[in-house]
Amino acid sequence: MELNTLLAQIGVAIAGGFAAELLHWYALSRKPGGSKKYKVHAIYWVTTIGMIILGGLMPLLYIQGSASALLCFHLGATAPIILQKLVANLPSSVAAQGPEDTSMRSFFSW
């Protein structure tokens, strides 16, 4: 399907970002202790929403004119995944943000 408007492209990219974040929270729930330790802290929900919005902004940077829906979905999904992998692999001296069991580094590691 071809998307001709920027709003449609952003909408599909947001859906891609949402899908990536849904997969992230699913992966967290499969770990021992699960997502329970993260879901009670607002910072992780703000981070999740920020990642989805970041995914939605990718068509602004990459696309001019029309684009396929699949491309927009991929752009939206890959932005959060790439950032999560970068944060998860930061050296521990840089990534230390709070207690180890609920740190941003452990939140982003799948």
PDB file of N, CA and C in Angstrom:
ATOM      1  N   MET A   1       0.842  -1.164   0.000  1.00  0.00           N
ATOM      2  CA  MET A   1       0.000   0.000   0.000  1.00  0.00           C
ATOM      3  C   MET A   1       0.893   1.236   0.000  1.00  0.00           C
ATOM      4  N   GLU A   2       0.548   2.173  -0.810  1.00  0.00           N
ATOM      5  CA  GLU A   2       1.301   3.422  -0.950  1.00  0.00           C
ATOM      6  C   GLU A   2       0.661   4.494  -0.062  1.00  0.00           C
ATOM      7  N   LEU A   3       1.488   5.159   0.744  1.00  0.00           N
ATOM      8  CA  LEU A   3       1.013   6.241   1.611  1.00  0.00           C
ATOM      9  C   LEU A   3       1.475   7.561   1.019  1.00  0.00           C
ATOM     10  N   ASN A   4       0.516   8.428   0.715  1.00  0.00           N
ATOM     11  CA  ASN A   4       0.836   9.677   0.027  1.00  0.00           C
ATOM     12  C   ASN A   4       0.914  10.889   0.940  1.00  0.00           C
ATOM     13  N   THR A   5       0.367  10.796   2.136  1.00  0.00           N
ATOM     14  CA  THR A   5       0.387  11.952   3.033  1.00  0.00           C
ATOM     15  C   THR A   5       1.355  11.696   4.180  1.00  0.00           C
ATOM     16  N   LEU A   6       1.950  12.757   4.660  1.00  0.00           N
ATOM     17  CA  LEU A   6       2.873  12.662   5.785  1.00  0.00           C
ATOM     18  C   LEU A   6       2.163  12.160   7.034  1.00  0.00           C
ATOM     19  N   LEU A   7       0.933  12.569   7.240  1.00  0.00           N
ATOM     20  CA  LEU A   7       0.168  12.132   8.418  1.00  0.00           C
ATOM     21  C   LEU A   7      -0.038  10.614   8.400  1.00  0.00           C
ATOM     22  N   ALA A   8      -0.361  10.062   7.234  1.00  0.00           N
ATOM     23  CA  ALA A   8      -0.522   8.605   7.130  1.00  0.00           C
ATOM     24  C   ALA A   8       0.801   7.892   7.381  1.00  0.00           C
ATOM     25  N   GLN A   9       1.889   8.441   6.866  1.00  0.00           N
ATOM     26  CA  GLN A   9       3.205   7.839   7.070  1.00  0.00           C
ATOM     27  C   GLN A   9       3.583   7.850   8.543  1.00  0.00           C
ATOM     28  N   ILE A  10       3.326   8.965   9.215  1.00  0.00           N
ATOM     29  CA  ILE A  10       3.631   9.067  10.644  1.00  0.00           C
ATOM     30  C   ILE A  10       2.758   8.102  11.435  1.00  0.00           C
ATOM     31  N   GLY A  11       1.493   7.984  11.067  1.00  0.00           N
ATOM     32  CA  GLY A  11       0.601   7.060  11.762  1.00  0.00           C
ATOM     33  C   GLY A  11       1.070   5.618  11.674  1.00  0.00           C
ATOM     34  N   VAL A  12       1.498   5.197  10.495  1.00  0.00           N
ATOM     35  CA  VAL A  12       1.991   3.833  10.324  1.00  0.00           C
ATOM     36  C   VAL A  12       3.326   3.656  11.057  1.00  0.00           C
ATOM     37  N   ALA A  13       4.168   4.669  11.050  1.00  0.00           N
ATOM     38  CA  ALA A  13       5.440   4.599  11.776  1.00  0.00           C
ATOM     39  C   ALA A  13       5.199   4.517  13.282  1.00  0.00           C
ATOM     40  N   ILE A  14       4.205   5.232  13.780  1.00  0.00           N
ATOM     41  CA  ILE A  14       3.852   5.131  15.201  1.00  0.00           C
ATOM     42  C   ILE A  14       3.385   3.710  15.517  1.00  0.00           C
ATOM     43  N   ALA A  15       2.623   3.113  14.609  1.00  0.00           N
ATOM     44  CA  ALA A  15       2.204   1.723  14.797  1.00  0.00           C
ATOM     45  C   ALA A  15       3.423   0.798  14.870  1.00  0.00           C
ATOM     46  N   GLY A  16       4.443   1.062  14.046  1.00  0.00           N
ATOM     47  CA  GLY A  16       5.675   0.281  14.109  1.00  0.00           C
ATOM     48  C   GLY A  16       6.405   0.468  15.427  1.00  0.00           C
ATOM     49  N   GLY A  17       6.477   1.720  15.895  1.00  0.00           N
ATOM     50  CA  GLY A  17       7.100   1.980  17.193  1.00  0.00           C
ATOM     51  C   GLY A  17       6.345   1.318  18.324  1.00  0.00           C
ATOM     52  N   PHE A  18       5.010   1.337  18.239  1.00  0.00           N
ATOM     53  CA  PHE A  18       4.189   0.680  19.250  1.00  0.00           C
ATOM     54  C   PHE A  18       4.431  -0.819  19.244  1.00  0.00           C
ATOM     55  N   ALA A  19       4.530  -1.414  18.058  1.00  0.00           N
ATOM     56  CA  ALA A  19       4.786  -2.849  17.956  1.00  0.00           C
ATOM     57  C   ALA A  19       6.132  -3.219  18.583  1.00  0.00           C
ATOM     58  N   ALA A  20       7.150  -2.402  18.339  1.00  0.00           N
ATOM     59  CA  ALA A  20       8.470  -2.666  18.922  1.00  0.00           C
ATOM     60  C   ALA A  20       8.418  -2.564  20.442  1.00  0.00           C
ATOM     61  N   GLU A  21       7.709  -1.571  20.958  1.00  0.00           N
ATOM     62  CA  GLU A  21       7.611  -1.407  22.405  1.00  0.00           C
ATOM     63  C   GLU A  21       6.754  -2.501  23.036  1.00  0.00           C
ATOM     64  N   LEU A  22       5.737  -2.952  22.338  1.00  0.00           N
ATOM     65  CA  LEU A  22       4.929  -4.073  22.823  1.00  0.00           C
ATOM     66  C   LEU A  22       5.785  -5.324  22.939  1.00  0.00           C
ATOM     67  N   LEU A  23       6.615  -5.566  21.937  1.00  0.00           N
ATOM     68  CA  LEU A  23       7.548  -6.692  21.982  1.00  0.00           C
ATOM     69  C   LEU A  23       8.534  -6.531  23.136  1.00  0.00           C
ATOM     70  N   HIS A  24       9.003  -5.307  23.364  1.00  0.00           N
ATOM     71  CA  HIS A  24       9.930  -5.039  24.474  1.00  0.00           C
ATOM     72  C   HIS A  24       9.286  -5.379  25.817  1.00  0.00           C
ATOM     73  N   TRP A  25       8.063  -4.899  26.045  1.00  0.00           N
ATOM     74  CA  TRP A  25       7.380  -5.182  27.316  1.00  0.00           C
ATOM     75  C   TRP A  25       7.057  -6.669  27.450  1.00  0.00           C
ATOM     76  N   TYR A  26       6.762  -7.339  26.351  1.00  0.00           N
ATOM     77  CA  TYR A  26       6.540  -8.781  26.393  1.00  0.00           C
ATOM     78  C   TYR A  26       7.826  -9.497  26.813  1.00  0.00           C
ATOM     79  N   ALA A  27       8.952  -9.090  26.230  1.00  0.00           N
ATOM     80  CA  ALA A  27      10.237  -9.687  26.592  1.00  0.00           C
ATOM     81  C   ALA A  27      10.551  -9.440  28.060  1.00  0.00           C
ATOM     82  N   LEU A  28      10.228  -8.255  28.567  1.00  0.00           N
ATOM     83  CA  LEU A  28      10.449  -7.973  29.986  1.00  0.00           C
ATOM     84  C   LEU A  28       9.592  -8.878  30.865  1.00  0.00           C
ATOM     85  N   SER A  29       8.370  -9.132  30.437  1.00  0.00           N
ATOM     86  CA  SER A  29       7.468  -9.958  31.253  1.00  0.00           C
ATOM     87  C   SER A  29       7.914 -11.413  31.301  1.00  0.00           C
ATOM     88  N   ARG A  30       8.729 -11.850  30.360  1.00  0.00           N
ATOM     89  CA  ARG A  30       9.217 -13.221  30.322  1.00  0.00           C
ATOM     90  C   ARG A  30      10.451 -13.434  31.191  1.00  0.00           C
ATOM     91  N   LYS A  31      11.052 -12.338  31.685  1.00  0.00           N
ATOM     92  CA  LYS A  31      12.229 -12.442  32.546  1.00  0.00           C
ATOM     93  C   LYS A  31      11.793 -12.731  33.981  1.00  0.00           C
ATOM     94  N   PRO A  32      12.684 -13.344  34.782  1.00  0.00           N
ATOM     95  CA  PRO A  32      12.367 -13.527  36.204  1.00  0.00           C
ATOM     96  C   PRO A  32      12.128 -12.159  36.864  1.00  0.00           C
ATOM     97  N   GLY A  33      11.065 -12.045  37.597  1.00  0.00           N
ATOM     98  CA  GLY A  33      10.712 -10.760  38.195  1.00  0.00           C
ATOM     99  C   GLY A  33       9.843  -9.952  37.263  1.00  0.00           C
ATOM    100  N   GLY A  34       9.944 -10.251  35.986  1.00  0.00           N
ATOM    101  CA  GLY A  34       9.079  -9.675  34.974  1.00  0.00           C
ATOM    102  C   GLY A  34       9.048  -8.175  34.898  1.00  0.00           C
ATOM    103  N   SER A  35       7.997  -7.695  34.329  1.00  0.00           N
ATOM    104  CA  SER A  35       7.836  -6.256  34.137  1.00  0.00           C
ATOM    105  C   SER A  35       7.303  -5.577  35.379  1.00  0.00           C
ATOM    106  N   LYS A  36       7.035  -6.329  36.435  1.00  0.00           N
ATOM    107  CA  LYS A  36       6.463  -5.768  37.673  1.00  0.00           C
ATOM    108  C   LYS A  36       7.309  -4.645  38.244  1.00  0.00           C
ATOM    109  N   LYS A  37       8.616  -4.815  38.207  1.00  0.00           N
ATOM    110  CA  LYS A  37       9.489  -3.801  38.802  1.00  0.00           C
ATOM    111  C   LYS A  37       9.557  -2.530  37.966  1.00  0.00           C
ATOM    112  N   TYR A  38       9.177  -2.591  36.687  1.00  0.00           N
ATOM    113  CA  TYR A  38       9.224  -1.413  35.825  1.00  0.00           C
ATOM    114  C   TYR A  38       7.878  -0.716  35.698  1.00  0.00           C
ATOM    115  N   LYS A  39       6.803  -1.468  35.694  1.00  0.00           N
ATOM    116  CA  LYS A  39       5.504  -0.872  35.397  1.00  0.00           C
ATOM    117  C   LYS A  39       5.004   0.083  36.472  1.00  0.00           C
ATOM    118  N   VAL A  40       5.610   0.082  37.645  1.00  0.00           N
ATOM    119  CA  VAL A  40       5.175   0.986  38.713  1.00  0.00           C
ATOM    120  C   VAL A  40       5.909   2.320  38.701  1.00  0.00           C
ATOM    121  N   HIS A  41       6.924   2.463  37.862  1.00  0.00           N
ATOM    122  CA  HIS A  41       7.705   3.696  37.795  1.00  0.00           C
ATOM    123  C   HIS A  41       7.351   4.484  36.534  1.00  0.00           C
ATOM    124  N   ALA A  42       6.984   5.717  36.708  1.00  0.00           N
ATOM    125  CA  ALA A  42       6.549   6.565  35.595  1.00  0.00           C
ATOM    126  C   ALA A  42       7.646   6.784  34.557  1.00  0.00           C
ATOM    127  N   ILE A  43       8.904   6.793  34.966  1.00  0.00           N
ATOM    128  CA  ILE A  43       9.995   7.067  34.035  1.00  0.00           C
ATOM    129  C   ILE A  43      10.033   6.040  32.898  1.00  0.00           C
ATOM    130  N   TYR A  44       9.671   4.793  33.189  1.00  0.00           N
ATOM    131  CA  TYR A  44       9.692   3.758  32.159  1.00  0.00           C
ATOM    132  C   TYR A  44       8.527   3.921  31.190  1.00  0.00           C
ATOM    133  N   TRP A  45       7.394   4.415  31.677  1.00  0.00           N
ATOM    134  CA  TRP A  45       6.258   4.680  30.780  1.00  0.00           C
ATOM    135  C   TRP A  45       6.533   5.898  29.914  1.00  0.00           C
ATOM    136  N   VAL A  46       7.169   6.910  30.480  1.00  0.00           N
ATOM    137  CA  VAL A  46       7.546   8.092  29.699  1.00  0.00           C
ATOM    138  C   VAL A  46       8.557   7.690  28.628  1.00  0.00           C
ATOM    139  N   THR A  47       9.498   6.841  28.992  1.00  0.00           N
ATOM    140  CA  THR A  47      10.491   6.355  28.035  1.00  0.00           C
ATOM    141  C   THR A  47       9.826   5.558  26.914  1.00  0.00           C
ATOM    142  N   THR A  48       8.872   4.715  27.262  1.00  0.00           N
ATOM    143  CA  THR A  48       8.157   3.920  26.269  1.00  0.00           C
ATOM    144  C   THR A  48       7.402   4.816  25.294  1.00  0.00           C
ATOM    145  N   ILE A  49       6.685   5.795  25.815  1.00  0.00           N
ATOM    146  CA  ILE A  49       5.947   6.728  24.958  1.00  0.00           C
ATOM    147  C   ILE A  49       6.908   7.533  24.086  1.00  0.00           C
ATOM    148  N   GLY A  50       8.035   7.954  24.661  1.00  0.00           N
ATOM    149  CA  GLY A  50       9.042   8.684  23.895  1.00  0.00           C
ATOM    150  C   GLY A  50       9.598   7.853  22.752  1.00  0.00           C
ATOM    151  N   MET A  51       9.814   6.561  22.978  1.00  0.00           N
ATOM    152  CA  MET A  51      10.321   5.678  21.925  1.00  0.00           C
ATOM    153  C   MET A  51       9.301   5.535  20.799  1.00  0.00           C
ATOM    154  N   ILE A  52       8.027   5.436  21.151  1.00  0.00           N
ATOM    155  CA  ILE A  52       6.982   5.326  20.129  1.00  0.00           C
ATOM    156  C   ILE A  52       6.919   6.607  19.301  1.00  0.00           C
ATOM    157  N   ILE A  53       6.987   7.753  19.971  1.00  0.00           N
ATOM    158  CA  ILE A  53       6.968   9.038  19.263  1.00  0.00           C
ATOM    159  C   ILE A  53       8.206   9.171  18.373  1.00  0.00           C
ATOM    160  N   LEU A  54       9.350   8.772  18.880  1.00  0.00           N
ATOM    161  CA  LEU A  54      10.577   8.808  18.076  1.00  0.00           C
ATOM    162  C   LEU A  54      10.427   7.969  16.817  1.00  0.00           C
ATOM    163  N   GLY A  55       9.839   6.804  16.945  1.00  0.00           N
ATOM    164  CA  GLY A  55       9.576   5.970  15.774  1.00  0.00           C
ATOM    165  C   GLY A  55       8.654   6.671  14.784  1.00  0.00           C
ATOM    166  N   GLY A  56       7.676   7.401  15.303  1.00  0.00           N
ATOM    167  CA  GLY A  56       6.755   8.128  14.445  1.00  0.00           C
ATOM    168  C   GLY A  56       7.395   9.286  13.706  1.00  0.00           C
ATOM    169  N   LEU A  57       8.477   9.815  14.229  1.00  0.00           N
ATOM    170  CA  LEU A  57       9.159  10.937  13.587  1.00  0.00           C
ATOM    171  C   LEU A  57      10.097  10.514  12.455  1.00  0.00           C
ATOM    172  N   MET A  58      10.413   9.246  12.368  1.00  0.00           N
ATOM    173  CA  MET A  58      11.374   8.779  11.365  1.00  0.00           C
ATOM    174  C   MET A  58      10.964   9.094   9.921  1.00  0.00           C
ATOM    175  N   PRO A  59       9.685   9.014   9.538  1.00  0.00           N
ATOM    176  CA  PRO A  59       9.354   9.388   8.152  1.00  0.00           C
ATOM    177  C   PRO A  59       9.708  10.839   7.825  1.00  0.00           C
ATOM    178  N   LEU A  60       9.688  11.710   8.815  1.00  0.00           N
ATOM    179  CA  LEU A  60      10.082  13.093   8.568  1.00  0.00           C
ATOM    180  C   LEU A  60      11.535  13.189   8.126  1.00  0.00           C
ATOM    181  N   LEU A  61      12.358  12.312   8.637  1.00  0.00           N
ATOM    182  CA  LEU A  61      13.785  12.350   8.332  1.00  0.00           C
ATOM    183  C   LEU A  61      14.149  11.588   7.059  1.00  0.00           C
ATOM    184  N   TYR A  62      13.389  10.553   6.733  1.00  0.00           N
ATOM    185  CA  TYR A  62      13.781   9.665   5.650  1.00  0.00           C
ATOM    186  C   TYR A  62      12.993   9.814   4.359  1.00  0.00           C
ATOM    187  N   ILE A  63      11.743  10.245   4.447  1.00  0.00           N
ATOM    188  CA  ILE A  63      10.857  10.142   3.291  1.00  0.00           C
ATOM    189  C   ILE A  63      10.472  11.506   2.748  1.00  0.00           C
ATOM    190  N   GLN A  64      10.494  11.622   1.448  1.00  0.00           N
ATOM    191  CA  GLN A  64       9.941  12.780   0.747  1.00  0.00           C
ATOM    192  C   GLN A  64       8.961  12.242  -0.276  1.00  0.00           C
ATOM    193  N   GLY A  65       7.732  12.692  -0.236  1.00  0.00           N
ATOM    194  CA  GLY A  65       6.719  12.187  -1.164  1.00  0.00           C
ATOM    195  C   GLY A  65       6.062  10.937  -0.633  1.00  0.00           C
ATOM    196  N   SER A  66       5.638  10.071  -1.536  1.00  0.00           N
ATOM    197  CA  SER A  66       4.931   8.868  -1.128  1.00  0.00           C
ATOM    198  C   SER A  66       5.918   7.765  -0.738  1.00  0.00           C
ATOM    199  N   ALA A  67       5.411   6.831   0.064  1.00  0.00           N
ATOM    200  CA  ALA A  67       6.228   5.705   0.505  1.00  0.00           C
ATOM    201  C   ALA A  67       5.303   4.534   0.810  1.00  0.00           C
ATOM    202  N   SER A  68       5.870   3.360   0.836  1.00  0.00           N
ATOM    203  CA  SER A  68       5.056   2.180   1.145  1.00  0.00           C
ATOM    204  C   SER A  68       4.775   2.130   2.643  1.00  0.00           C
ATOM    205  N   ALA A  69       3.655   1.519   2.973  1.00  0.00           N
ATOM    206  CA  ALA A  69       3.281   1.373   4.375  1.00  0.00           C
ATOM    207  C   ALA A  69       4.298   0.510   5.115  1.00  0.00           C
ATOM    208  N   LEU A  70       4.818  -0.506   4.434  1.00  0.00           N
ATOM    209  CA  LEU A  70       5.801  -1.385   5.059  1.00  0.00           C
ATOM    210  C   LEU A  70       7.076  -0.632   5.431  1.00  0.00           C
ATOM    211  N   LEU A  71       7.531   0.243   4.550  1.00  0.00           N
ATOM    212  CA  LEU A  71       8.714   1.056   4.852  1.00  0.00           C
ATOM    213  C   LEU A  71       8.464   1.935   6.080  1.00  0.00           C
ATOM    214  N   CYS A  72       7.329   2.569   6.131  1.00  0.00           N
ATOM    215  CA  CYS A  72       7.004   3.432   7.279  1.00  0.00           C
ATOM    216  C   CYS A  72       6.927   2.630   8.569  1.00  0.00           C
ATOM    217  N   PHE A  73       6.330   1.438   8.504  1.00  0.00           N
ATOM    218  CA  PHE A  73       6.251   0.570   9.680  1.00  0.00           C
ATOM    219  C   PHE A  73       7.647   0.178  10.147  1.00  0.00           C
ATOM    220  N   HIS A  74       8.499  -0.201   9.208  1.00  0.00           N
ATOM    221  CA  HIS A  74       9.877  -0.577   9.549  1.00  0.00           C
ATOM    222  C   HIS A  74      10.647   0.588  10.170  1.00  0.00           C
ATOM    223  N   LEU A  75      10.485   1.776   9.619  1.00  0.00           N
ATOM    224  CA  LEU A  75      11.158   2.944  10.187  1.00  0.00           C
ATOM    225  C   LEU A  75      10.715   3.176  11.622  1.00  0.00           C
ATOM    226  N   GLY A  76       9.419   3.056  11.857  1.00  0.00           N
ATOM    227  CA  GLY A  76       8.890   3.257  13.202  1.00  0.00           C
ATOM    228  C   GLY A  76       9.360   2.202  14.180  1.00  0.00           C
ATOM    229  N   ALA A  77       9.493   0.970  13.722  1.00  0.00           N
ATOM    230  CA  ALA A  77       9.902  -0.123  14.608  1.00  0.00           C
ATOM    231  C   ALA A  77      11.403  -0.134  14.876  1.00  0.00           C
ATOM    232  N   THR A  78      12.201   0.231  13.883  1.00  0.00           N
ATOM    233  CA  THR A  78      13.651   0.112  14.060  1.00  0.00           C
ATOM    234  C   THR A  78      14.252   1.206  14.928  1.00  0.00           C
ATOM    235  N   ALA A  79      13.666   2.391  14.932  1.00  0.00           N
ATOM    236  CA  ALA A  79      14.234   3.477  15.737  1.00  0.00           C
ATOM    237  C   ALA A  79      14.290   3.112  17.220  1.00  0.00           C
ATOM    238  N   PRO A  80      13.200   2.644  17.845  1.00  0.00           N
ATOM    239  CA  PRO A  80      13.290   2.253  19.255  1.00  0.00           C
ATOM    240  C   PRO A  80      14.226   1.077  19.494  1.00  0.00           C
ATOM    241  N   ILE A  81      14.234   0.118  18.583  1.00  0.00           N
ATOM    242  CA  ILE A  81      15.077  -1.062  18.777  1.00  0.00           C
ATOM    243  C   ILE A  81      16.554  -0.692  18.730  1.00  0.00           C
ATOM    244  N   ILE A  82      16.935   0.144  17.788  1.00  0.00           N
ATOM    245  CA  ILE A  82      18.331   0.570  17.697  1.00  0.00           C
ATOM    246  C   ILE A  82      18.745   1.338  18.950  1.00  0.00           C
ATOM    247  N   LEU A  83      17.913   2.266  19.400  1.00  0.00           N
ATOM    248  CA  LEU A  83      18.240   3.015  20.618  1.00  0.00           C
ATOM    249  C   LEU A  83      18.313   2.117  21.841  1.00  0.00           C
ATOM    250  N   GLN A  84      17.408   1.158  21.948  1.00  0.00           N
ATOM    251  CA  GLN A  84      17.435   0.242  23.086  1.00  0.00           C
ATOM    252  C   GLN A  84      18.714  -0.577  23.104  1.00  0.00           C
ATOM    253  N   LYS A  85      19.129  -1.032  21.962  1.00  0.00           N
ATOM    254  CA  LYS A  85      20.369  -1.811  21.896  1.00  0.00           C
ATOM    255  C   LYS A  85      21.587  -0.952  22.231  1.00  0.00           C
ATOM    256  N   LEU A  86      21.587   0.299  21.798  1.00  0.00           N
ATOM    257  CA  LEU A  86      22.700   1.192  22.133  1.00  0.00           C
ATOM    258  C   LEU A  86      22.781   1.433  23.636  1.00  0.00           C
ATOM    259  N   VAL A  87      21.650   1.726  24.262  1.00  0.00           N
ATOM    260  CA  VAL A  87      21.637   1.987  25.706  1.00  0.00           C
ATOM    261  C   VAL A  87      22.011   0.729  26.481  1.00  0.00           C
ATOM    262  N   ALA A  88      21.505  -0.418  26.068  1.00  0.00           N
ATOM    263  CA  ALA A  88      21.786  -1.669  26.777  1.00  0.00           C
ATOM    264  C   ALA A  88      23.261  -2.037  26.725  1.00  0.00           C
ATOM    265  N   ASN A  89      23.974  -1.554  25.719  1.00  0.00           N
ATOM    266  CA  ASN A  89      25.384  -1.913  25.568  1.00  0.00           C
ATOM    267  C   ASN A  89      26.346  -0.805  25.960  1.00  0.00           C
ATOM    268  N   LEU A  90      25.845   0.228  26.630  1.00  0.00           N
ATOM    269  CA  LEU A  90      26.732   1.268  27.149  1.00  0.00           C
ATOM    270  C   LEU A  90      27.627   0.699  28.239  1.00  0.00           C
ATOM    271  N   PRO A  91      28.827   1.222  28.396  1.00  0.00           N
ATOM    272  CA  PRO A  91      29.664   0.797  29.520  1.00  0.00           C
ATOM    273  C   PRO A  91      28.954   1.082  30.847  1.00  0.00           C
ATOM    274  N   SER A  92      29.165   0.249  31.828  1.00  0.00           N
ATOM    275  CA  SER A  92      28.443   0.378  33.097  1.00  0.00           C
ATOM    276  C   SER A  92      28.702   1.711  33.788  1.00  0.00           C
ATOM    277  N   SER A  93      29.861   2.316  33.586  1.00  0.00           N
ATOM    278  CA  SER A  93      30.143   3.608  34.222  1.00  0.00           C
ATOM    279  C   SER A  93      29.263   4.717  33.647  1.00  0.00           C
ATOM    280  N   VAL A  94      28.833   4.581  32.400  1.00  0.00           N
ATOM    281  CA  VAL A  94      27.980   5.574  31.760  1.00  0.00           C
ATOM    282  C   VAL A  94      26.511   5.278  32.015  1.00  0.00           C
ATOM    283  N   ALA A  95      26.148   3.990  32.059  1.00  0.00           N
ATOM    284  CA  ALA A  95      24.751   3.585  32.108  1.00  0.00           C
ATOM    285  C   ALA A  95      24.176   3.509  33.514  1.00  0.00           C
ATOM    286  N   ALA A  96      24.968   3.723  34.543  1.00  0.00           N
ATOM    287  CA  ALA A  96      24.462   3.606  35.914  1.00  0.00           C
ATOM    288  C   ALA A  96      23.469   4.726  36.202  1.00  0.00           C
ATOM    289  N   GLN A  97      22.201   4.373  36.254  1.00  0.00           N
ATOM    290  CA  GLN A  97      21.126   5.329  36.531  1.00  0.00           C
ATOM    291  C   GLN A  97      20.153   4.662  37.494  1.00  0.00           C
ATOM    292  N   GLY A  98      20.446   4.653  38.756  1.00  0.00           N
ATOM    293  CA  GLY A  98      19.551   4.055  39.736  1.00  0.00           C
ATOM    294  C   GLY A  98      19.991   2.662  40.128  1.00  0.00           C
ATOM    295  N   PRO A  99      19.191   2.011  41.002  1.00  0.00           N
ATOM    296  CA  PRO A  99      19.532   0.657  41.444  1.00  0.00           C
ATOM    297  C   PRO A  99      19.636  -0.301  40.266  1.00  0.00           C
ATOM    298  N   GLU A 100      20.517  -1.266  40.356  1.00  0.00           N
ATOM    299  CA  GLU A 100      20.788  -2.164  39.232  1.00  0.00           C
ATOM    300  C   GLU A 100      19.553  -2.936  38.786  1.00  0.00           C
ATOM    301  N   ASP A 101      18.685  -3.336  39.729  1.00  0.00           N
ATOM    302  CA  ASP A 101      17.534  -4.148  39.327  1.00  0.00           C
ATOM    303  C   ASP A 101      16.477  -3.356  38.560  1.00  0.00           C
ATOM    304  N   THR A 102      16.462  -2.019  38.696  1.00  0.00           N
ATOM    305  CA  THR A 102      15.509  -1.202  37.936  1.00  0.00           C
ATOM    306  C   THR A 102      16.213  -0.096  37.161  1.00  0.00           C
ATOM    307  N   SER A 103      17.447  -0.322  36.776  1.00  0.00           N
ATOM    308  CA  SER A 103      18.176   0.695  36.030  1.00  0.00           C
ATOM    309  C   SER A 103      17.684   0.766  34.588  1.00  0.00           C
ATOM    310  N   MET A 104      17.959   1.888  33.934  1.00  0.00           N
ATOM    311  CA  MET A 104      17.600   2.029  32.523  1.00  0.00           C
ATOM    312  C   MET A 104      18.323   0.976  31.691  1.00  0.00           C
ATOM    313  N   ARG A 105      19.527   0.649  32.066  1.00  0.00           N
ATOM    314  CA  ARG A 105      20.289  -0.355  31.319  1.00  0.00           C
ATOM    315  C   ARG A 105      19.582  -1.708  31.369  1.00  0.00           C
ATOM    316  N   SER A 106      19.121  -2.117  32.554  1.00  0.00           N
ATOM    317  CA  SER A 106      18.425  -3.402  32.638  1.00  0.00           C
ATOM    318  C   SER A 106      17.055  -3.337  31.978  1.00  0.00           C
ATOM    319  N   PHE A 107      16.420  -2.165  31.974  1.00  0.00           N
ATOM    320  CA  PHE A 107      15.131  -1.977  31.304  1.00  0.00           C
ATOM    321  C   PHE A 107      15.271  -2.167  29.797  1.00  0.00           C
ATOM    322  N   PHE A 108      16.355  -1.675  29.222  1.00  0.00           N
ATOM    323  CA  PHE A 108      16.549  -1.737  27.783  1.00  0.00           C
ATOM    324  C   PHE A 108      17.164  -3.051  27.318  1.00  0.00           C
ATOM    325  N   SER A 109      17.684  -3.862  28.219  1.00  0.00           N
ATOM    326  CA  SER A 109      18.268  -5.134  27.757  1.00  0.00           C
ATOM    327  C   SER A 109      17.160  -6.161  27.605  1.00  0.00           C
ATOM    328  N   TRP A 110      17.100  -6.758  26.436  1.00  0.00           N
ATOM    329  CA  TRP A 110      16.074  -7.749  26.141  1.00  0.00           C
ATOM    330  C   TRP A 110      16.624  -9.091  26.503  1.00  0.00           C
TER     331      TRP A 110
END
